[in-house]
Amino acid sequence: MAFLGFHIDDALAEKFAAMAANEGGKSALMRRLVEQTVGDRKSPAHETMATSPSCKVTIRLRESELRLLAAVAARRGMNRTQWIASIVRARLGSPVQQTHDERQALRAVARELNRIGGNINQIAHAANLHRLIGRTVKIEAAAIREASARIEGALAELRAALKRNADYWEGG
């Protein structure tokens, strides 16, 4: 999946974040805006997704259903309203819904992968510099294979976690 990024004024970013909070988050709203702009709607639900403040919806459930709902939501680290809104948004085509803890964990993984990438770039730069000045570079192939395997393992775990999350909201 491609990444699209840009810089905007802090005040405008705060206004956008406040508006996006009711629309599944900044990324979800940006995806919908881009899809609407280029006319690439993946589902009919995107046409009806508005970028407006949230409204209250009332549903009636039996007391036993409310208890079960509270338990299911708590297992996801959400309250009942958050869980119901996430289920509805997922069914309407919004991106995968994540709890606060899941978002924090994903950010931590992204930071760690960025650090690893930075370290690899520094190693490559040092190796290239040594070659330029005529020094030999000793490459520990086993260490590189081990590091690569660890990174691949971490990425596989990350993909599995994201798939479990997607399957949960898609009812899989």
C-alpha atoms as a PDB file:
ATOM      1  CA  MET A   1       0.000   0.000   0.000  1.00  0.00           C
ATOM      2  CA  ALA A   2       1.382   3.427  -0.929  1.00  0.00           C
ATOM      3  CA  PHE A   3       1.972   6.159   1.650  1.00  0.00           C
ATOM      4  CA  LEU A   4       0.857   9.730   1.049  1.00  0.00           C
ATOM      5  CA  GLY A   5       2.130  12.377   3.456  1.00  0.00           C
ATOM      6  CA  PHE A   6       2.258  16.164   3.660  1.00  0.00           C
ATOM      7  CA  HIS A   7       2.763  19.005   6.109  1.00  0.00           C
ATOM      8  CA  ILE A   8       0.097  21.497   7.170  1.00  0.00           C
ATOM      9  CA  ASP A   9      -0.207  24.299   9.698  1.00  0.00           C
ATOM     10  CA  ASP A  10      -0.562  23.090  13.322  1.00  0.00           C
ATOM     11  CA  ALA A  11      -3.892  24.855  13.874  1.00  0.00           C
ATOM     12  CA  LEU A  12      -5.359  23.323  10.716  1.00  0.00           C
ATOM     13  CA  ALA A  13      -4.021  19.892  11.748  1.00  0.00           C
ATOM     14  CA  GLU A  14      -5.760  20.204  15.134  1.00  0.00           C
ATOM     15  CA  LYS A  15      -9.077  21.116  13.478  1.00  0.00           C
ATOM     16  CA  PHE A  16      -8.738  18.191  11.072  1.00  0.00           C
ATOM     17  CA  ALA A  17      -7.893  15.777  13.899  1.00  0.00           C
ATOM     18  CA  ALA A  18     -10.961  16.916  15.857  1.00  0.00           C
ATOM     19  CA  MET A  19     -13.195  16.420  12.839  1.00  0.00           C
ATOM     20  CA  ALA A  20     -11.583  13.080  11.970  1.00  0.00           C
ATOM     21  CA  ALA A  21     -12.102  11.726  15.493  1.00  0.00           C
ATOM     22  CA  ASN A  22     -15.765  11.208  14.612  1.00  0.00           C
ATOM     23  CA  GLU A  23     -14.935   9.649  11.244  1.00  0.00           C
ATOM     24  CA  GLY A  24     -12.744   6.709  12.195  1.00  0.00           C
ATOM     25  CA  GLY A  25      -9.554   8.732  12.600  1.00  0.00           C
ATOM     26  CA  LYS A  26      -7.318  10.926  10.458  1.00  0.00           C
ATOM     27  CA  SER A  27      -6.103   8.148   8.173  1.00  0.00           C
ATOM     28  CA  ALA A  28      -9.608   6.839   7.539  1.00  0.00           C
ATOM     29  CA  LEU A  29     -10.911  10.304   6.717  1.00  0.00           C
ATOM     30  CA  MET A  30      -7.929  11.059   4.458  1.00  0.00           C
ATOM     31  CA  ARG A  31      -8.473   7.783   2.572  1.00  0.00           C
ATOM     32  CA  ARG A  32     -12.147   8.628   2.040  1.00  0.00           C
ATOM     33  CA  LEU A  33     -11.318  12.162   0.895  1.00  0.00           C
ATOM     34  CA  VAL A  34      -8.735  10.865  -1.605  1.00  0.00           C
ATOM     35  CA  GLU A  35     -11.168   8.196  -2.854  1.00  0.00           C
ATOM     36  CA  GLN A  36     -13.892  10.814  -3.282  1.00  0.00           C
ATOM     37  CA  THR A  37     -11.495  13.178  -5.051  1.00  0.00           C
ATOM     38  CA  VAL A  38     -10.274  10.647  -7.600  1.00  0.00           C
ATOM     39  CA  GLY A  39     -13.604   8.840  -7.869  1.00  0.00           C
ATOM     40  CA  ASP A  40     -12.237   5.507  -6.644  1.00  0.00           C
ATOM     41  CA  ARG A  41     -14.851   4.312  -4.188  1.00  0.00           C
ATOM     42  CA  LYS A  42     -14.288   0.716  -3.150  1.00  0.00           C
ATOM     43  CA  SER A  43     -17.753   0.276  -1.712  1.00  0.00           C
ATOM     44  CA  PRO A  44     -21.114   2.035  -1.940  1.00  0.00           C
ATOM     45  CA  ALA A  45     -20.845   2.797   1.772  1.00  0.00           C
ATOM     46  CA  HIS A  46     -18.089   5.322   1.088  1.00  0.00           C
ATOM     47  CA  GLU A  47     -20.555   7.492  -0.819  1.00  0.00           C
ATOM     48  CA  THR A  48     -22.732   7.874   2.262  1.00  0.00           C
ATOM     49  CA  MET A  49     -19.941   8.378   4.806  1.00  0.00           C
ATOM     50  CA  ALA A  50     -20.173  12.032   5.766  1.00  0.00           C
ATOM     51  CA  THR A  51     -17.513  14.134   7.387  1.00  0.00           C
ATOM     52  CA  SER A  52     -19.743  15.645  10.045  1.00  0.00           C
ATOM     53  CA  PRO A  53     -20.024  15.506  13.821  1.00  0.00           C
ATOM     54  CA  SER A  54     -21.303  12.243  15.256  1.00  0.00           C
ATOM     55  CA  CYS A  55     -24.963  11.792  16.076  1.00  0.00           C
ATOM     56  CA  LYS A  56     -26.605   9.682  18.726  1.00  0.00           C
ATOM     57  CA  VAL A  57     -28.286   6.400  17.792  1.00  0.00           C
ATOM     58  CA  THR A  58     -30.398   4.499  20.291  1.00  0.00           C
ATOM     59  CA  ILE A  59     -30.867   0.745  20.218  1.00  0.00           C
ATOM     60  CA  ARG A  60     -32.787  -1.535  22.523  1.00  0.00           C
ATOM     61  CA  LEU A  61     -31.243  -4.719  23.862  1.00  0.00           C
ATOM     62  CA  ARG A  62     -32.218  -7.214  26.509  1.00  0.00           C
ATOM     63  CA  GLU A  63     -30.415  -6.992  29.828  1.00  0.00           C
ATOM     64  CA  SER A  64     -28.632 -10.278  29.127  1.00  0.00           C
ATOM     65  CA  GLU A  65     -27.469  -8.893  25.767  1.00  0.00           C
ATOM     66  CA  LEU A  66     -26.177  -5.728  27.452  1.00  0.00           C
ATOM     67  CA  ARG A  67     -24.147  -7.804  29.913  1.00  0.00           C
ATOM     68  CA  LEU A  68     -22.708  -9.872  27.075  1.00  0.00           C
ATOM     69  CA  LEU A  69     -22.030  -6.719  25.050  1.00  0.00           C
ATOM     70  CA  ALA A  70     -20.199  -5.130  28.004  1.00  0.00           C
ATOM     71  CA  ALA A  71     -18.074  -8.262  28.434  1.00  0.00           C
ATOM     72  CA  VAL A  72     -17.195  -8.500  24.736  1.00  0.00           C
ATOM     73  CA  ALA A  73     -16.335  -4.784  24.594  1.00  0.00           C
ATOM     74  CA  ALA A  74     -14.216  -5.029  27.749  1.00  0.00           C
ATOM     75  CA  ARG A  75     -12.210  -7.897  26.237  1.00  0.00           C
ATOM     76  CA  ARG A  76     -11.353  -5.515  23.370  1.00  0.00           C
ATOM     77  CA  GLY A  77     -10.453  -2.729  25.824  1.00  0.00           C
ATOM     78  CA  MET A  78     -13.480  -0.679  24.802  1.00  0.00           C
ATOM     79  CA  ASN A  79     -16.725   0.483  26.335  1.00  0.00           C
ATOM     80  CA  ARG A  80     -20.058  -0.562  24.808  1.00  0.00           C
ATOM     81  CA  THR A  81     -20.449   2.565  22.690  1.00  0.00           C
ATOM     82  CA  GLN A  82     -16.929   2.327  21.270  1.00  0.00           C
ATOM     83  CA  TRP A  83     -17.412  -1.337  20.413  1.00  0.00           C
ATOM     84  CA  ILE A  84     -20.794  -0.809  18.730  1.00  0.00           C
ATOM     85  CA  ALA A  85     -19.495   2.192  16.755  1.00  0.00           C
ATOM     86  CA  SER A  86     -16.441   0.182  15.676  1.00  0.00           C
ATOM     87  CA  ILE A  87     -18.575  -2.736  14.486  1.00  0.00           C
ATOM     88  CA  VAL A  88     -20.833  -0.411  12.513  1.00  0.00           C
ATOM     89  CA  ARG A  89     -17.894   1.469  10.971  1.00  0.00           C
ATOM     90  CA  ALA A  90     -16.192  -1.805  10.033  1.00  0.00           C
ATOM     91  CA  ARG A  91     -19.356  -3.035   8.320  1.00  0.00           C
ATOM     92  CA  LEU A  92     -19.724   0.290   6.480  1.00  0.00           C
ATOM     93  CA  GLY A  93     -16.269  -0.073   4.980  1.00  0.00           C
ATOM     94  CA  SER A  94     -14.119   1.980   7.326  1.00  0.00           C
ATOM     95  CA  PRO A  95     -10.599   0.704   7.856  1.00  0.00           C
ATOM     96  CA  VAL A  96      -9.883  -1.811  10.569  1.00  0.00           C
ATOM     97  CA  GLN A  97     -10.867  -0.553  14.004  1.00  0.00           C
ATOM     98  CA  GLN A  98      -8.183  -0.576  16.695  1.00  0.00           C
ATOM     99  CA  THR A  99      -8.198  -0.012  20.410  1.00  0.00           C
ATOM    100  CA  HIS A 100      -5.973   2.639  21.955  1.00  0.00           C
ATOM    101  CA  ASP A 101      -3.615  -0.087  23.217  1.00  0.00           C
ATOM    102  CA  GLU A 102      -3.394  -1.644  19.738  1.00  0.00           C
ATOM    103  CA  ARG A 103      -2.560   1.723  18.182  1.00  0.00           C
ATOM    104  CA  GLN A 104       0.131   2.308  20.826  1.00  0.00           C
ATOM    105  CA  ALA A 105       1.615  -1.148  20.211  1.00  0.00           C
ATOM    106  CA  LEU A 106       1.663  -0.589  16.447  1.00  0.00           C
ATOM    107  CA  ARG A 107       3.364   2.776  16.915  1.00  0.00           C
ATOM    108  CA  ALA A 108       5.981   1.105  19.123  1.00  0.00           C
ATOM    109  CA  VAL A 109       6.633  -1.527  16.435  1.00  0.00           C
ATOM    110  CA  ALA A 110       6.904   1.173  13.772  1.00  0.00           C
ATOM    111  CA  ARG A 111       9.376   3.139  15.912  1.00  0.00           C
ATOM    112  CA  GLU A 112      11.486   0.023  16.483  1.00  0.00           C
ATOM    113  CA  LEU A 113      11.509  -0.856  12.786  1.00  0.00           C
ATOM    114  CA  ASN A 114      12.530   2.731  11.997  1.00  0.00           C
ATOM    115  CA  ARG A 115      15.408   2.451  14.489  1.00  0.00           C
ATOM    116  CA  ILE A 116      16.506  -0.841  12.922  1.00  0.00           C
ATOM    117  CA  GLY A 117      16.339   0.750   9.480  1.00  0.00           C
ATOM    118  CA  GLY A 118      18.440   3.669  10.700  1.00  0.00           C
ATOM    119  CA  ASN A 119      21.031   1.295  12.136  1.00  0.00           C
ATOM    120  CA  ILE A 120      21.187  -0.661   8.876  1.00  0.00           C
ATOM    121  CA  ASN A 121      21.672   2.583   6.947  1.00  0.00           C
ATOM    122  CA  GLN A 122      24.531   3.581   9.260  1.00  0.00           C
ATOM    123  CA  ILE A 123      26.175   0.186   8.793  1.00  0.00           C
ATOM    124  CA  ALA A 124      25.832   0.422   5.008  1.00  0.00           C
ATOM    125  CA  HIS A 125      27.231   3.969   5.047  1.00  0.00           C
ATOM    126  CA  ALA A 126      30.238   2.900   7.145  1.00  0.00           C
ATOM    127  CA  ALA A 127      30.879  -0.099   4.885  1.00  0.00           C
ATOM    128  CA  ASN A 128      30.718   2.070   1.782  1.00  0.00           C
ATOM    129  CA  LEU A 129      33.060   4.634   3.360  1.00  0.00           C
ATOM    130  CA  HIS A 130      35.571   1.915   4.242  1.00  0.00           C
ATOM    131  CA  ARG A 131      35.470   0.633   0.664  1.00  0.00           C
ATOM    132  CA  LEU A 132      36.034   4.152  -0.690  1.00  0.00           C
ATOM    133  CA  ILE A 133      39.175   4.627   1.369  1.00  0.00           C
ATOM    134  CA  GLY A 134      40.481   1.202   0.436  1.00  0.00           C
ATOM    135  CA  ARG A 135      39.849  -0.666   3.680  1.00  0.00           C
ATOM    136  CA  THR A 136      38.376  -4.122   3.628  1.00  0.00           C
ATOM    137  CA  VAL A 137      34.981  -4.657   5.143  1.00  0.00           C
ATOM    138  CA  LYS A 138      34.401  -7.864   7.059  1.00  0.00           C
ATOM    139  CA  ILE A 139      30.812  -8.950   6.677  1.00  0.00           C
ATOM    140  CA  GLU A 140      29.423 -11.432   9.156  1.00  0.00           C
ATOM    141  CA  ALA A 141      26.967 -13.269   6.913  1.00  0.00           C
ATOM    142  CA  ALA A 142      25.634 -15.385   9.781  1.00  0.00           C
ATOM    143  CA  ALA A 143      24.865 -12.293  11.859  1.00  0.00           C
ATOM    144  CA  ILE A 144      23.114 -10.661   8.919  1.00  0.00           C
ATOM    145  CA  ARG A 145      21.050 -13.816   8.295  1.00  0.00           C
ATOM    146  CA  GLU A 146      20.118 -13.983  11.988  1.00  0.00           C
ATOM    147  CA  ALA A 147      19.091 -10.312  12.088  1.00  0.00           C
ATOM    148  CA  SER A 148      17.117 -10.727   8.887  1.00  0.00           C
ATOM    149  CA  ALA A 149      15.345 -13.781  10.296  1.00  0.00           C
ATOM    150  CA  ARG A 150      14.460 -11.867  13.481  1.00  0.00           C
ATOM    151  CA  ILE A 151      13.069  -8.979  11.471  1.00  0.00           C
ATOM    152  CA  GLU A 152      11.090 -11.359   9.256  1.00  0.00           C
ATOM    153  CA  GLY A 153       9.754 -13.100  12.365  1.00  0.00           C
ATOM    154  CA  ALA A 154       8.664  -9.803  13.899  1.00  0.00           C
ATOM    155  CA  LEU A 155       7.002  -8.766  10.656  1.00  0.00           C
ATOM    156  CA  ALA A 156       5.205 -12.118  10.455  1.00  0.00           C
ATOM    157  CA  GLU A 157       3.910 -11.599  14.011  1.00  0.00           C
ATOM    158  CA  LEU A 158       2.795  -8.090  13.112  1.00  0.00           C
ATOM    159  CA  ARG A 159       0.989  -9.313   9.977  1.00  0.00           C
ATOM    160  CA  ALA A 160      -0.701 -12.078  12.000  1.00  0.00           C
ATOM    161  CA  ALA A 161      -1.842  -9.581  14.650  1.00  0.00           C
ATOM    162  CA  LEU A 162      -3.242  -7.247  12.009  1.00  0.00           C
ATOM    163  CA  LYS A 163      -5.013 -10.173  10.318  1.00  0.00           C
ATOM    164  CA  ARG A 164      -6.551 -11.273  13.636  1.00  0.00           C
ATOM    165  CA  ASN A 165      -7.784  -7.725  14.185  1.00  0.00           C
ATOM    166  CA  ALA A 166      -9.218  -7.484  10.669  1.00  0.00           C
ATOM    167  CA  ASP A 167     -10.854 -10.904  10.978  1.00  0.00           C
ATOM    168  CA  TYR A 168     -12.416  -9.858  14.285  1.00  0.00           C
ATOM    169  CA  TRP A 169     -14.103  -6.763  12.827  1.00  0.00           C
ATOM    170  CA  GLU A 170     -15.035  -8.485   9.583  1.00  0.00           C
ATOM    171  CA  GLY A 171     -16.684 -11.285  11.520  1.00  0.00           C
ATOM    172  CA  GLY A 172     -14.141 -13.871  10.303  1.00  0.00           C
END
